[in-house]
Amino acid sequence: MRDAILQLAELFTRARRPVACTGAGVSTESGIPDFRSPGGLWGRFDPSEFTYQNFIGSVARRRKYWALGRATYPVIRAARPNAAHLALAELHRLDRLDCCITQNVDDLHQRAGLPADRVIELHGNATRTRCLECGAAYSRDEVHGWREVGGAVPACPACGGIVIVNLEPTPMDAQADLVIRDRAGRVMAAVLDGVRA
């Protein structure tokens, strides 16, 4: 595995505009469970219930969304960046990472020090909300505070509108130039050491 880590460090060193793509495997080391593994969120909630169309379509569906948020947001809020997040932020500071494309919604890349304009969030960010009617922005902490005093489905105070917020093999492994099966924090910390060398 040491050779693979050195190879990855060399790829970061040689690339003109290195880009990292991250998913749940980066954040599980921070204590955020993934959605699909046994015991994950989709074991407790039906993913087909959480589409945009369902969310805007009915109060009952929005209630389900916010129930999911009540289960997940405290975990996201309490999580701290791990060695992988910190290594990616440091690679950016060393001009060895142009940007990070992430499926994660936890804001941990930004909290680790990666500039927000260098993080492309494919599924949004669970720490922020925006009214679908007037566009007013609110922190998720604010919205959860409203829920505590005002009910299961929050509404925008400005206009009353709706708010919205790998250790395992994958089917795409054969398409990758390099596959390393280990914890993201350990690998990225070693890659950072290799880039600095």
C-alpha atoms as a PDB file:
ATOM      1  CA  MET A   1       0.000   0.000   0.000  1.00  0.00           C
ATOM      2  CA  ARG A   2       2.922   2.357   0.639  1.00  0.00           C
ATOM      3  CA  ASP A   3       3.674   2.357  -3.114  1.00  0.00           C
ATOM      4  CA  ALA A   4       0.073   3.294  -3.921  1.00  0.00           C
ATOM      5  CA  ILE A   5       0.183   6.201  -1.450  1.00  0.00           C
ATOM      6  CA  LEU A   6       3.439   7.435  -2.985  1.00  0.00           C
ATOM      7  CA  GLN A   7       1.869   7.120  -6.426  1.00  0.00           C
ATOM      8  CA  LEU A   8      -1.124   9.216  -5.299  1.00  0.00           C
ATOM      9  CA  ALA A   9       1.180  11.840  -3.773  1.00  0.00           C
ATOM     10  CA  GLU A  10       3.071  11.969  -7.085  1.00  0.00           C
ATOM     11  CA  LEU A  11      -0.219  12.491  -8.954  1.00  0.00           C
ATOM     12  CA  PHE A  12      -1.015  15.480  -6.706  1.00  0.00           C
ATOM     13  CA  THR A  13       2.509  16.825  -7.194  1.00  0.00           C
ATOM     14  CA  ARG A  14       2.533  16.554 -10.995  1.00  0.00           C
ATOM     15  CA  ALA A  15      -1.047  17.558 -11.832  1.00  0.00           C
ATOM     16  CA  ARG A  16      -1.585  21.060 -13.217  1.00  0.00           C
ATOM     17  CA  ARG A  17      -5.003  21.451 -11.558  1.00  0.00           C
ATOM     18  CA  PRO A  18      -5.577  18.591  -9.107  1.00  0.00           C
ATOM     19  CA  VAL A  19      -9.199  17.915  -8.166  1.00  0.00           C
ATOM     20  CA  ALA A  20     -10.431  15.663  -5.364  1.00  0.00           C
ATOM     21  CA  CYS A  21     -13.833  13.950  -5.435  1.00  0.00           C
ATOM     22  CA  THR A  22     -15.129  12.938  -2.025  1.00  0.00           C
ATOM     23  CA  GLY A  23     -18.088  11.055  -0.643  1.00  0.00           C
ATOM     24  CA  ALA A  24     -19.291   9.468   2.556  1.00  0.00           C
ATOM     25  CA  GLY A  25     -16.012   7.635   3.208  1.00  0.00           C
ATOM     26  CA  VAL A  26     -14.323  10.933   4.067  1.00  0.00           C
ATOM     27  CA  SER A  27     -16.952  11.929   6.629  1.00  0.00           C
ATOM     28  CA  THR A  28     -17.588   8.580   8.305  1.00  0.00           C
ATOM     29  CA  GLU A  29     -14.266   9.037  10.110  1.00  0.00           C
ATOM     30  CA  SER A  30     -15.781  12.189  11.642  1.00  0.00           C
ATOM     31  CA  GLY A  31     -18.693  10.165  13.017  1.00  0.00           C
ATOM     32  CA  ILE A  32     -21.225  10.899  10.276  1.00  0.00           C
ATOM     33  CA  PRO A  33     -22.874   7.659   9.152  1.00  0.00           C
ATOM     34  CA  ASP A  34     -23.308   7.099   5.464  1.00  0.00           C
ATOM     35  CA  PHE A  35     -26.722   6.663   3.921  1.00  0.00           C
ATOM     36  CA  ARG A  36     -26.462   3.249   2.248  1.00  0.00           C
ATOM     37  CA  SER A  37     -24.465   0.904   4.481  1.00  0.00           C
ATOM     38  CA  PRO A  38     -26.212  -1.492   6.856  1.00  0.00           C
ATOM     39  CA  GLY A  39     -27.459   0.637   9.733  1.00  0.00           C
ATOM     40  CA  GLY A  40     -27.282   3.763   7.545  1.00  0.00           C
ATOM     41  CA  LEU A  41     -30.027   6.350   7.205  1.00  0.00           C
ATOM     42  CA  TRP A  42     -31.728   4.654   4.272  1.00  0.00           C
ATOM     43  CA  GLY A  43     -32.284   1.676   6.569  1.00  0.00           C
ATOM     44  CA  ARG A  44     -34.531   3.933   8.698  1.00  0.00           C
ATOM     45  CA  PHE A  45     -35.901   6.230   5.980  1.00  0.00           C
ATOM     46  CA  ASP A  46     -37.090   5.484   2.431  1.00  0.00           C
ATOM     47  CA  PRO A  47     -34.872   7.453   0.006  1.00  0.00           C
ATOM     48  CA  SER A  48     -37.666   7.686  -2.580  1.00  0.00           C
ATOM     49  CA  GLU A  49     -39.571   9.876  -0.107  1.00  0.00           C
ATOM     50  CA  PHE A  50     -36.906  12.603  -0.232  1.00  0.00           C
ATOM     51  CA  THR A  51     -37.107  13.980  -3.749  1.00  0.00           C
ATOM     52  CA  TYR A  52     -37.443  17.663  -4.536  1.00  0.00           C
ATOM     53  CA  GLN A  53     -40.860  17.038  -6.091  1.00  0.00           C
ATOM     54  CA  ASN A  54     -42.078  15.342  -2.917  1.00  0.00           C
ATOM     55  CA  PHE A  55     -40.665  18.119  -0.752  1.00  0.00           C
ATOM     56  CA  ILE A  56     -42.478  20.912  -2.555  1.00  0.00           C
ATOM     57  CA  GLY A  57     -45.560  18.783  -3.180  1.00  0.00           C
ATOM     58  CA  SER A  58     -47.024  18.469   0.309  1.00  0.00           C
ATOM     59  CA  VAL A  59     -46.747  19.498   3.927  1.00  0.00           C
ATOM     60  CA  ALA A  60     -46.736  15.820   4.963  1.00  0.00           C
ATOM     61  CA  ARG A  61     -43.652  15.148   2.825  1.00  0.00           C
ATOM     62  CA  ARG A  62     -41.902  18.257   4.178  1.00  0.00           C
ATOM     63  CA  ARG A  63     -42.657  16.972   7.678  1.00  0.00           C
ATOM     64  CA  LYS A  64     -40.828  13.721   6.765  1.00  0.00           C
ATOM     65  CA  TYR A  65     -37.876  15.691   5.419  1.00  0.00           C
ATOM     66  CA  TRP A  66     -37.580  17.715   8.613  1.00  0.00           C
ATOM     67  CA  ALA A  67     -37.907  14.516  10.685  1.00  0.00           C
ATOM     68  CA  LEU A  68     -34.881  13.190   8.785  1.00  0.00           C
ATOM     69  CA  GLY A  69     -33.144  16.511   9.495  1.00  0.00           C
ATOM     70  CA  ARG A  70     -33.920  16.196  13.175  1.00  0.00           C
ATOM     71  CA  ALA A  71     -32.119  12.815  13.137  1.00  0.00           C
ATOM     72  CA  THR A  72     -29.135  13.865  11.004  1.00  0.00           C
ATOM     73  CA  TYR A  73     -28.375  17.531  11.623  1.00  0.00           C
ATOM     74  CA  PRO A  74     -27.233  17.222  15.272  1.00  0.00           C
ATOM     75  CA  VAL A  75     -24.711  14.569  14.172  1.00  0.00           C
ATOM     76  CA  ILE A  76     -23.474  16.779  11.322  1.00  0.00           C
ATOM     77  CA  ARG A  77     -23.284  19.822  13.603  1.00  0.00           C
ATOM     78  CA  ALA A  78     -21.248  17.950  16.235  1.00  0.00           C
ATOM     79  CA  ALA A  79     -18.820  16.405  13.716  1.00  0.00           C
ATOM     80  CA  ARG A  80     -15.316  17.794  13.347  1.00  0.00           C
ATOM     81  CA  PRO A  81     -12.993  17.633  10.328  1.00  0.00           C
ATOM     82  CA  ASN A  82     -10.729  14.599  10.347  1.00  0.00           C
ATOM     83  CA  ALA A  83      -7.262  14.013   8.907  1.00  0.00           C
ATOM     84  CA  ALA A  84      -8.587  13.655   5.338  1.00  0.00           C
ATOM     85  CA  HIS A  85     -10.420  17.002   5.433  1.00  0.00           C
ATOM     86  CA  LEU A  86      -7.373  18.682   6.975  1.00  0.00           C
ATOM     87  CA  ALA A  87      -5.003  17.116   4.416  1.00  0.00           C
ATOM     88  CA  LEU A  88      -7.148  18.322   1.504  1.00  0.00           C
ATOM     89  CA  ALA A  89      -7.245  21.853   2.938  1.00  0.00           C
ATOM     90  CA  GLU A  90      -3.456  21.794   3.374  1.00  0.00           C
ATOM     91  CA  LEU A  91      -2.981  20.492  -0.190  1.00  0.00           C
ATOM     92  CA  HIS A  92      -4.958  23.526  -1.349  1.00  0.00           C
ATOM     93  CA  ARG A  93      -2.760  25.861   0.720  1.00  0.00           C
ATOM     94  CA  LEU A  94       0.283  24.212  -0.882  1.00  0.00           C
ATOM     95  CA  ASP A  95      -1.277  24.878  -4.324  1.00  0.00           C
ATOM     96  CA  ARG A  96      -1.607  21.107  -4.893  1.00  0.00           C
ATOM     97  CA  LEU A  97      -5.418  21.026  -4.937  1.00  0.00           C
ATOM     98  CA  ASP A  98      -7.504  23.232  -7.189  1.00  0.00           C
ATOM     99  CA  CYS A  99     -10.910  22.213  -5.856  1.00  0.00           C
ATOM    100  CA  CYS A 100     -12.894  19.470  -4.169  1.00  0.00           C
ATOM    101  CA  ILE A 101     -16.084  18.053  -5.640  1.00  0.00           C
ATOM    102  CA  THR A 102     -18.091  16.438  -2.853  1.00  0.00           C
ATOM    103  CA  GLN A 103     -21.292  14.487  -2.414  1.00  0.00           C
ATOM    104  CA  ASN A 104     -21.197  15.307   1.295  1.00  0.00           C
ATOM    105  CA  VAL A 105     -23.528  17.896   2.822  1.00  0.00           C
ATOM    106  CA  ASP A 106     -21.689  18.328   6.134  1.00  0.00           C
ATOM    107  CA  ASP A 107     -19.565  21.481   5.562  1.00  0.00           C
ATOM    108  CA  LEU A 108     -16.488  19.651   6.933  1.00  0.00           C
ATOM    109  CA  HIS A 109     -14.242  20.558   3.996  1.00  0.00           C
ATOM    110  CA  GLN A 110     -14.931  24.241   4.642  1.00  0.00           C
ATOM    111  CA  ARG A 111     -14.546  23.851   8.418  1.00  0.00           C
ATOM    112  CA  ALA A 112     -11.150  22.237   7.765  1.00  0.00           C
ATOM    113  CA  GLY A 113     -10.041  25.386   5.943  1.00  0.00           C
ATOM    114  CA  LEU A 114     -10.792  24.663   2.282  1.00  0.00           C
ATOM    115  CA  PRO A 115     -12.228  27.916   0.870  1.00  0.00           C
ATOM    116  CA  ALA A 116     -15.960  27.681   0.155  1.00  0.00           C
ATOM    117  CA  ASP A 117     -15.434  28.737  -3.464  1.00  0.00           C
ATOM    118  CA  ARG A 118     -13.131  25.719  -3.906  1.00  0.00           C
ATOM    119  CA  VAL A 119     -15.768  23.206  -2.719  1.00  0.00           C
ATOM    120  CA  ILE A 120     -18.362  22.076  -5.253  1.00  0.00           C
ATOM    121  CA  GLU A 121     -21.256  20.551  -3.301  1.00  0.00           C
ATOM    122  CA  LEU A 122     -23.212  18.182  -5.542  1.00  0.00           C
ATOM    123  CA  HIS A 123     -26.000  17.651  -2.996  1.00  0.00           C
ATOM    124  CA  GLY A 124     -26.004  21.037  -1.280  1.00  0.00           C
ATOM    125  CA  ASN A 125     -25.039  21.815   2.283  1.00  0.00           C
ATOM    126  CA  ALA A 126     -27.090  20.737   5.301  1.00  0.00           C
ATOM    127  CA  THR A 127     -25.830  23.667   7.385  1.00  0.00           C
ATOM    128  CA  ARG A 128     -27.626  26.265   5.251  1.00  0.00           C
ATOM    129  CA  THR A 129     -31.199  26.770   4.052  1.00  0.00           C
ATOM    130  CA  ARG A 130     -32.840  29.092   1.541  1.00  0.00           C
ATOM    131  CA  CYS A 131     -36.464  30.059   1.066  1.00  0.00           C
ATOM    132  CA  LEU A 132     -37.816  28.755  -2.224  1.00  0.00           C
ATOM    133  CA  GLU A 133     -40.151  31.767  -2.500  1.00  0.00           C
ATOM    134  CA  CYS A 134     -38.107  34.894  -1.680  1.00  0.00           C
ATOM    135  CA  GLY A 135     -34.557  33.476  -1.616  1.00  0.00           C
ATOM    136  CA  ALA A 136     -33.803  34.562   1.970  1.00  0.00           C
ATOM    137  CA  ALA A 137     -30.904  32.567   3.440  1.00  0.00           C
ATOM    138  CA  TYR A 138     -30.804  31.143   6.976  1.00  0.00           C
ATOM    139  CA  SER A 139     -28.443  28.929   8.903  1.00  0.00           C
ATOM    140  CA  ARG A 140     -29.688  25.451   9.714  1.00  0.00           C
ATOM    141  CA  ASP A 141     -29.237  26.327  13.398  1.00  0.00           C
ATOM    142  CA  GLU A 142     -31.806  29.123  12.981  1.00  0.00           C
ATOM    143  CA  VAL A 143     -34.292  26.831  11.268  1.00  0.00           C
ATOM    144  CA  HIS A 144     -33.929  24.152  13.938  1.00  0.00           C
ATOM    145  CA  GLY A 145     -34.554  26.824  16.555  1.00  0.00           C
ATOM    146  CA  TRP A 146     -37.809  27.781  14.828  1.00  0.00           C
ATOM    147  CA  ARG A 147     -38.836  24.135  14.779  1.00  0.00           C
ATOM    148  CA  GLU A 148     -38.334  23.838  18.520  1.00  0.00           C
ATOM    149  CA  VAL A 149     -40.786  26.657  19.201  1.00  0.00           C
ATOM    150  CA  GLY A 150     -43.063  26.537  16.194  1.00  0.00           C
ATOM    151  CA  GLY A 151     -43.706  23.051  14.859  1.00  0.00           C
ATOM    152  CA  ALA A 152     -42.519  20.309  12.563  1.00  0.00           C
ATOM    153  CA  VAL A 153     -42.471  22.219   9.245  1.00  0.00           C
ATOM    154  CA  PRO A 154     -40.675  25.580   9.316  1.00  0.00           C
ATOM    155  CA  ALA A 155     -41.712  28.495   7.117  1.00  0.00           C
ATOM    156  CA  CYS A 156     -39.691  31.535   6.071  1.00  0.00           C
ATOM    157  CA  PRO A 157     -40.227  34.401   8.552  1.00  0.00           C
ATOM    158  CA  ALA A 158     -39.779  36.936   5.746  1.00  0.00           C
ATOM    159  CA  CYS A 159     -42.486  35.641   3.402  1.00  0.00           C
ATOM    160  CA  GLY A 160     -43.941  32.408   4.822  1.00  0.00           C
ATOM    161  CA  GLY A 161     -42.437  30.325   1.972  1.00  0.00           C
ATOM    162  CA  ILE A 162     -40.893  26.812   2.001  1.00  0.00           C
ATOM    163  CA  VAL A 163     -37.160  26.273   3.030  1.00  0.00           C
ATOM    164  CA  ILE A 164     -34.831  23.494   1.565  1.00  0.00           C
ATOM    165  CA  VAL A 165     -31.857  22.579   2.489  1.00  0.00           C
ATOM    166  CA  ASN A 166     -14.520   4.180   0.575  1.00  0.00           C
ATOM    167  CA  LEU A 167     -13.544   1.337   2.288  1.00  0.00           C
ATOM    168  CA  GLU A 168     -15.847  -0.771   0.110  1.00  0.00           C
ATOM    169  CA  PRO A 169     -15.567  -1.631  -3.596  1.00  0.00           C
ATOM    170  CA  THR A 170     -17.686   0.394  -5.998  1.00  0.00           C
ATOM    171  CA  PRO A 171     -18.996  -0.392  -9.499  1.00  0.00           C
ATOM    172  CA  MET A 172     -16.616   2.265 -10.876  1.00  0.00           C
ATOM    173  CA  ASP A 173     -13.358   0.828  -9.474  1.00  0.00           C
ATOM    174  CA  ALA A 174     -12.361  -0.540 -12.888  1.00  0.00           C
ATOM    175  CA  GLN A 175     -12.535   2.986 -14.326  1.00  0.00           C
ATOM    176  CA  ALA A 176     -10.096   4.429 -11.771  1.00  0.00           C
ATOM    177  CA  ASP A 177      -6.387   4.855 -12.400  1.00  0.00           C
ATOM    178  CA  LEU A 178      -5.670   3.993  -8.771  1.00  0.00           C
ATOM    179  CA  VAL A 179      -7.735   2.296  -6.028  1.00  0.00           C
ATOM    180  CA  ILE A 180      -6.602   2.390  -2.398  1.00  0.00           C
ATOM    181  CA  ARG A 181      -8.727   0.535   0.146  1.00  0.00           C
ATOM    182  CA  ASP A 182      -8.018   2.158   3.471  1.00  0.00           C
ATOM    183  CA  ARG A 183      -9.325   4.887   5.757  1.00  0.00           C
ATOM    184  CA  ALA A 184      -9.423   8.270   4.022  1.00  0.00           C
ATOM    185  CA  GLY A 185      -7.807  10.104   6.932  1.00  0.00           C
ATOM    186  CA  ARG A 186      -4.808   7.774   7.087  1.00  0.00           C
ATOM    187  CA  VAL A 187      -4.293   7.778   3.314  1.00  0.00           C
ATOM    188  CA  MET A 188      -4.648  11.537   2.820  1.00  0.00           C
ATOM    189  CA  ALA A 189      -2.360  12.347   5.756  1.00  0.00           C
ATOM    190  CA  ALA A 190       0.275  10.068   4.180  1.00  0.00           C
ATOM    191  CA  VAL A 191      -0.323  11.641   0.750  1.00  0.00           C
ATOM    192  CA  LEU A 192       0.208  15.090   2.251  1.00  0.00           C
ATOM    193  CA  ASP A 193       3.505  13.894   3.749  1.00  0.00           C
ATOM    194  CA  GLY A 194       4.474  12.574   0.313  1.00  0.00           C
ATOM    195  CA  VAL A 195       3.633  15.873  -1.398  1.00  0.00           C
ATOM    196  CA  ARG A 196       5.649  17.826   1.163  1.00  0.00           C
ATOM    197  CA  ALA A 197       8.683  15.529   0.722  1.00  0.00           C
END
